[in-house]
N, C-alpha and C. Protein backbone atom coordinates (compact mmCIF):
# COMPACT_ATOMS: atom_id res chain seq x y z
N MET A 1 134.20 126.74 43.35
CA MET A 1 135.26 125.87 43.13
C MET A 1 135.55 125.62 41.80
N SER A 2 136.94 125.60 41.54
CA SER A 2 137.54 125.31 40.23
C SER A 2 137.33 123.94 39.90
N ASP A 3 137.23 123.55 38.57
CA ASP A 3 137.23 122.14 38.25
C ASP A 3 138.49 121.76 37.34
N THR A 4 139.47 121.80 37.98
CA THR A 4 140.84 121.58 37.41
C THR A 4 141.04 119.91 37.14
N PRO A 5 141.77 119.60 36.24
CA PRO A 5 141.90 118.25 35.87
C PRO A 5 142.65 117.47 37.20
N THR A 6 143.20 118.24 37.97
CA THR A 6 143.80 117.39 39.18
C THR A 6 142.85 117.05 40.22
N LYS A 7 141.59 117.91 40.33
CA LYS A 7 140.79 117.77 41.49
C LYS A 7 139.39 117.06 40.98
N GLN A 8 139.03 116.69 39.82
CA GLN A 8 137.83 116.00 39.47
C GLN A 8 138.13 115.00 38.62
N TYR A 9 137.66 113.89 38.96
CA TYR A 9 137.69 112.53 38.27
C TYR A 9 138.86 112.22 37.50
N SER A 10 140.04 112.68 38.03
CA SER A 10 141.16 112.42 37.45
C SER A 10 141.49 110.92 37.29
N ARG A 11 142.16 110.65 36.23
CA ARG A 11 142.52 109.13 35.74
C ARG A 11 143.22 108.65 36.93
N ILE A 12 144.02 109.48 37.71
CA ILE A 12 144.96 109.08 38.67
C ILE A 12 143.98 108.87 40.28
N ASN A 13 143.28 110.03 40.46
CA ASN A 13 142.96 110.26 41.70
C ASN A 13 141.27 109.72 41.73
N TYR A 14 140.62 109.71 40.70
CA TYR A 14 139.24 109.11 40.70
C TYR A 14 139.08 108.02 39.61
N PRO A 15 139.66 107.14 39.52
CA PRO A 15 139.72 106.23 38.35
C PRO A 15 138.12 105.36 38.24
N ASP A 16 137.39 105.39 39.53
CA ASP A 16 136.17 104.85 39.50
C ASP A 16 135.11 105.39 38.90
N LYS A 17 135.08 106.64 38.68
CA LYS A 17 134.06 107.42 37.97
C LYS A 17 134.14 107.09 36.28
N LEU A 18 135.52 107.10 35.91
CA LEU A 18 135.85 106.79 34.50
C LEU A 18 135.60 105.27 34.31
N ALA A 19 135.92 104.54 35.37
CA ALA A 19 135.65 103.04 35.14
C ALA A 19 134.31 102.65 35.20
N GLU A 20 133.43 103.50 35.67
CA GLU A 20 131.99 103.43 35.77
C GLU A 20 131.36 103.72 34.35
N PHE A 21 131.98 104.93 33.71
CA PHE A 21 131.66 105.23 32.28
C PHE A 21 131.98 104.32 31.27
N TYR A 22 133.11 103.66 31.41
CA TYR A 22 133.84 102.53 30.58
C TYR A 22 133.74 101.35 31.28
N PRO A 23 132.47 100.76 31.39
CA PRO A 23 132.42 99.58 32.42
C PRO A 23 132.83 98.19 31.60
N GLN A 24 132.53 98.26 30.57
CA GLN A 24 133.20 96.80 29.66
C GLN A 24 134.35 96.82 29.09
N GLU A 25 135.14 98.05 29.31
CA GLU A 25 136.48 97.81 28.58
C GLU A 25 137.33 98.74 29.53
N GLU A 26 138.78 98.57 29.19
CA GLU A 26 139.70 99.41 29.77
C GLU A 26 139.45 100.92 29.57
N LEU A 27 140.01 101.79 30.20
CA LEU A 27 140.02 103.12 29.96
C LEU A 27 140.84 103.39 28.80
N PRO A 28 140.27 103.80 27.66
CA PRO A 28 141.00 104.28 26.59
C PRO A 28 142.19 105.01 26.80
N GLU A 29 143.49 104.86 26.08
CA GLU A 29 144.47 105.55 26.52
C GLU A 29 144.33 106.95 25.92
N TYR A 30 143.63 107.33 25.00
CA TYR A 30 143.43 108.59 24.68
C TYR A 30 142.74 109.54 25.48
N ILE A 31 141.91 108.91 26.69
CA ILE A 31 141.52 109.83 27.85
C ILE A 31 142.52 109.90 28.66
N LEU A 32 142.99 111.34 28.92
CA LEU A 32 144.04 111.68 29.80
C LEU A 32 143.47 112.23 31.00
N ASP A 33 142.46 112.90 30.99
CA ASP A 33 141.78 113.37 32.33
C ASP A 33 140.33 113.70 32.21
N ALA A 34 139.64 113.79 33.23
CA ALA A 34 138.22 114.28 33.11
C ALA A 34 137.75 114.83 34.32
N GLY A 35 136.57 115.74 34.28
CA GLY A 35 135.98 116.33 35.39
C GLY A 35 134.55 116.34 35.03
N LYS A 36 133.92 117.16 35.72
CA LYS A 36 132.52 117.53 35.53
C LYS A 36 132.21 118.67 34.47
N SER A 37 133.41 119.34 34.12
CA SER A 37 133.04 120.26 33.19
C SER A 37 134.13 120.15 32.08
N PHE A 38 135.23 119.27 32.01
CA PHE A 38 135.97 119.16 30.78
C PHE A 38 136.22 117.45 30.78
N ILE A 39 136.85 117.32 29.73
CA ILE A 39 137.51 115.96 29.32
C ILE A 39 138.74 116.35 28.56
N LYS A 40 139.84 115.74 29.07
CA LYS A 40 141.22 115.96 28.32
C LYS A 40 141.63 114.81 27.47
N ILE A 41 141.72 114.84 25.90
CA ILE A 41 141.76 113.75 25.13
C ILE A 41 143.15 114.18 24.25
N ARG A 42 143.63 112.86 24.00
CA ARG A 42 144.88 113.08 23.16
C ARG A 42 144.35 112.71 21.76
N VAL A 43 144.49 113.64 20.90
CA VAL A 43 143.94 113.51 19.37
C VAL A 43 145.28 113.53 18.57
N SER A 44 145.10 112.68 17.45
CA SER A 44 146.51 112.60 16.46
C SER A 44 145.69 113.02 15.14
N ASP A 45 146.81 113.58 14.42
CA ASP A 45 146.50 113.78 13.01
C ASP A 45 147.75 113.94 12.44
N TRP A 46 147.73 114.52 10.80
CA TRP A 46 149.04 114.47 10.39
C TRP A 46 150.18 115.30 11.03
N GLN A 47 149.81 116.36 11.95
CA GLN A 47 150.72 117.16 12.54
C GLN A 47 151.16 116.45 13.71
N GLY A 48 150.81 115.46 13.99
CA GLY A 48 151.36 114.54 15.32
C GLY A 48 150.08 114.63 16.41
N ASP A 49 150.51 114.34 17.58
CA ASP A 49 149.82 114.12 18.75
C ASP A 49 149.40 115.52 19.46
N GLN A 50 148.23 115.57 20.05
CA GLN A 50 148.18 117.04 20.64
C GLN A 50 146.89 116.68 21.77
N ASP A 51 147.18 117.25 22.91
CA ASP A 51 146.21 117.08 23.99
C ASP A 51 145.29 118.23 23.95
N LEU A 52 143.91 117.92 23.76
CA LEU A 52 142.77 118.66 23.47
C LEU A 52 141.87 118.58 24.84
N ILE A 53 141.58 119.77 25.44
CA ILE A 53 140.87 119.76 26.55
C ILE A 53 139.22 120.31 26.01
N VAL A 54 138.48 119.47 26.17
CA VAL A 54 137.09 119.65 25.69
C VAL A 54 136.08 120.07 26.90
N THR A 55 135.44 121.21 26.88
CA THR A 55 134.45 121.57 27.91
C THR A 55 133.03 121.40 27.69
N VAL A 56 132.24 121.54 28.57
CA VAL A 56 130.65 121.63 28.29
C VAL A 56 130.35 122.64 27.19
N GLU A 57 130.88 123.73 27.42
CA GLU A 57 130.51 124.85 26.46
C GLU A 57 131.05 124.39 25.18
N ASP A 58 132.18 123.98 24.97
CA ASP A 58 132.48 123.31 23.45
C ASP A 58 131.57 122.38 22.91
N VAL A 59 131.16 121.36 23.71
CA VAL A 59 130.14 120.49 23.29
C VAL A 59 128.80 121.26 22.95
N ILE A 60 128.40 122.10 23.82
CA ILE A 60 127.20 122.77 23.26
C ILE A 60 127.13 123.36 22.05
N GLU A 61 128.35 124.21 21.88
CA GLU A 61 128.83 125.00 20.84
C GLU A 61 128.86 124.32 19.48
N TYR A 62 129.38 123.15 19.44
CA TYR A 62 129.41 121.96 18.55
C TYR A 62 128.00 121.48 18.15
N TYR A 63 127.30 121.18 18.97
CA TYR A 63 125.90 120.92 18.57
C TYR A 63 124.99 121.97 18.09
N ARG A 64 125.31 123.11 18.62
CA ARG A 64 124.57 124.23 18.23
C ARG A 64 124.98 124.78 16.83
N TYR A 65 126.10 124.72 16.47
CA TYR A 65 126.49 125.22 15.01
C TYR A 65 127.32 124.42 14.12
N GLU A 66 128.06 123.36 14.57
CA GLU A 66 128.69 122.41 13.79
C GLU A 66 127.92 121.09 13.30
N ALA A 67 127.29 120.62 14.22
CA ALA A 67 126.63 119.11 13.95
C ALA A 67 125.75 119.26 12.63
N GLY A 68 124.92 120.26 12.58
CA GLY A 68 123.89 120.17 11.42
C GLY A 68 124.51 120.72 10.30
N ASN A 69 125.79 121.18 10.16
CA ASN A 69 126.37 121.81 8.97
C ASN A 69 126.65 120.61 7.82
N ILE A 70 125.71 120.59 6.82
CA ILE A 70 126.17 119.46 5.96
C ILE A 70 126.66 120.17 4.58
N THR A 71 127.01 121.38 4.67
CA THR A 71 127.91 121.77 3.42
C THR A 71 129.37 121.74 3.49
N SER A 72 129.79 121.36 4.69
CA SER A 72 131.35 121.13 4.87
C SER A 72 131.52 119.75 5.28
N GLY A 73 132.82 119.13 4.95
CA GLY A 73 133.30 117.95 5.32
C GLY A 73 134.01 118.02 6.66
N CYS A 74 134.22 119.21 7.01
CA CYS A 74 135.08 119.65 8.02
C CYS A 74 134.10 120.12 9.10
N ARG A 75 134.55 119.67 10.21
CA ARG A 75 134.16 120.25 11.75
C ARG A 75 134.89 120.61 12.73
N ILE A 76 134.46 121.58 13.67
CA ILE A 76 135.35 121.91 14.64
C ILE A 76 134.78 121.77 16.01
N ILE A 77 135.75 121.05 16.93
CA ILE A 77 135.09 121.16 18.35
C ILE A 77 136.34 121.78 19.25
N ALA A 78 136.23 122.40 20.27
CA ALA A 78 137.25 123.07 21.05
C ALA A 78 138.67 123.61 20.29
N GLY A 79 138.27 124.16 19.13
CA GLY A 79 139.35 124.70 18.33
C GLY A 79 140.00 123.60 17.47
N TYR A 80 139.77 122.42 17.58
CA TYR A 80 140.41 121.37 16.71
C TYR A 80 139.33 121.03 15.71
N ALA A 81 140.11 121.14 14.25
CA ALA A 81 139.42 120.96 13.12
C ALA A 81 139.65 119.50 12.57
N GLY A 82 138.66 118.98 11.86
CA GLY A 82 139.07 117.79 11.21
C GLY A 82 137.78 117.19 10.37
N ASP A 83 138.20 116.07 9.98
CA ASP A 83 136.93 115.53 9.06
C ASP A 83 135.71 115.10 10.01
N TRP A 84 134.62 115.43 9.46
CA TRP A 84 133.38 115.46 10.18
C TRP A 84 133.19 114.21 11.03
N ARG A 85 133.73 113.01 10.47
CA ARG A 85 133.28 111.77 11.13
C ARG A 85 134.00 111.61 12.53
N PRO A 86 135.21 111.57 12.41
CA PRO A 86 135.92 111.50 13.70
C PRO A 86 135.58 112.62 14.84
N ILE A 87 135.45 113.88 14.25
CA ILE A 87 134.79 114.97 15.23
C ILE A 87 133.55 114.77 15.80
N ASP A 88 132.67 114.27 14.98
CA ASP A 88 131.34 113.89 15.29
C ASP A 88 131.42 112.68 16.36
N ILE A 89 132.22 111.70 16.21
CA ILE A 89 132.35 110.72 17.17
C ILE A 89 132.95 111.25 18.42
N LEU A 90 133.87 112.09 18.21
CA LEU A 90 134.51 112.57 19.54
C LEU A 90 133.44 113.38 20.32
N SER A 91 132.74 114.15 19.51
CA SER A 91 131.78 115.20 20.33
C SER A 91 130.56 114.34 20.96
N LYS A 92 130.33 113.06 20.26
CA LYS A 92 129.39 112.37 20.73
C LYS A 92 129.67 111.61 22.26
N GLU A 93 130.98 111.15 22.29
CA GLU A 93 131.66 110.65 23.42
C GLU A 93 131.74 111.59 24.61
N CYS A 94 132.06 112.86 24.25
CA CYS A 94 132.12 114.01 25.12
C CYS A 94 130.70 114.27 25.70
N LEU A 95 129.69 114.47 24.91
CA LEU A 95 128.39 114.64 25.27
C LEU A 95 128.02 113.58 26.24
N GLU A 96 128.28 112.36 26.00
CA GLU A 96 127.62 111.09 26.73
C GLU A 96 128.54 111.21 28.04
N TRP A 97 129.68 111.66 28.30
CA TRP A 97 130.56 111.87 29.18
C TRP A 97 129.99 112.90 30.41
N PHE A 98 129.58 114.20 29.70
CA PHE A 98 128.76 115.13 30.26
C PHE A 98 127.39 114.85 31.05
N LYS A 99 126.84 114.10 30.01
CA LYS A 99 125.57 113.36 30.65
C LYS A 99 125.57 112.85 31.82
N PHE A 100 126.80 111.79 31.81
CA PHE A 100 126.85 111.05 32.89
C PHE A 100 127.46 111.80 34.19
N VAL A 101 128.13 112.85 34.16
CA VAL A 101 128.66 113.25 35.31
C VAL A 101 128.13 114.60 35.72
N ASN A 102 127.44 115.31 34.73
CA ASN A 102 127.00 116.69 34.92
C ASN A 102 125.89 117.07 34.20
N ILE A 103 124.75 116.36 34.13
CA ILE A 103 123.63 116.37 33.17
C ILE A 103 123.15 117.82 33.45
N GLU A 104 122.96 118.37 34.75
CA GLU A 104 122.16 119.62 35.08
C GLU A 104 123.17 120.75 34.54
N GLY A 105 124.43 120.92 34.62
CA GLY A 105 125.24 121.77 34.06
C GLY A 105 125.23 121.58 32.50
N LEU A 106 125.21 120.65 32.07
CA LEU A 106 125.10 120.44 30.40
C LEU A 106 123.58 121.08 29.98
N ARG A 107 122.53 120.82 30.67
CA ARG A 107 121.32 121.35 30.46
C ARG A 107 121.37 123.05 30.57
N GLN A 108 121.91 123.47 31.66
CA GLN A 108 121.83 124.56 31.83
C GLN A 108 122.81 125.46 30.84
N GLU A 109 123.87 125.02 30.30
CA GLU A 109 124.66 125.67 29.34
C GLU A 109 123.97 125.70 27.82
N GLY A 110 123.27 124.46 27.57
CA GLY A 110 122.64 124.35 26.46
C GLY A 110 121.33 125.51 26.51
N ARG A 111 120.80 125.53 27.52
CA ARG A 111 119.61 126.71 27.33
C ARG A 111 120.38 128.17 27.22
N LYS A 112 121.54 128.38 27.53
CA LYS A 112 122.20 129.67 27.34
C LYS A 112 122.30 130.03 25.71
N TYR A 113 122.37 128.70 25.11
CA TYR A 113 122.60 128.91 23.72
C TYR A 113 121.23 128.60 22.98
N GLY A 114 120.15 128.73 23.80
CA GLY A 114 118.87 128.41 22.99
C GLY A 114 118.56 127.08 22.66
N LEU A 115 119.26 126.18 23.11
CA LEU A 115 119.11 124.70 22.79
C LEU A 115 117.73 123.99 23.96
N ILE A 116 117.11 123.11 23.44
CA ILE A 116 116.11 122.54 24.40
C ILE A 116 116.80 121.32 24.59
N PRO A 117 117.27 120.80 25.76
CA PRO A 117 117.73 119.61 26.11
C PRO A 117 116.67 118.78 26.07
N LYS A 118 116.92 117.55 25.25
CA LYS A 118 115.98 116.26 25.37
C LYS A 118 116.47 115.40 26.14
N PHE A 119 117.17 115.63 27.18
CA PHE A 119 117.59 114.36 28.08
C PHE A 119 117.63 115.03 29.22
């Protein structure tokens, strides 16, 4: 079964899962859609707004290759490059979402990259 934005935990069709993840606040406007294997986020930079789909694999790749890189002030997630601070915050939020909705899939994908999940 495919995990498309319109079928899994959509803002419109499944607001309860997102509301459960953001219990003390309104769902942030930058969260456009979410599912078990993706989260669609609106990012902004000097070039304007862009919709970015971050997958479980993107998060694993970030933590495998980018998160520990202290030689650069720039980091990349899902093909989107930026200053390390906001990219790191974005990656952490995506990681927490996937831990919330698909922890087994996250663990499985991490093992493919040689990571040992500690959650």
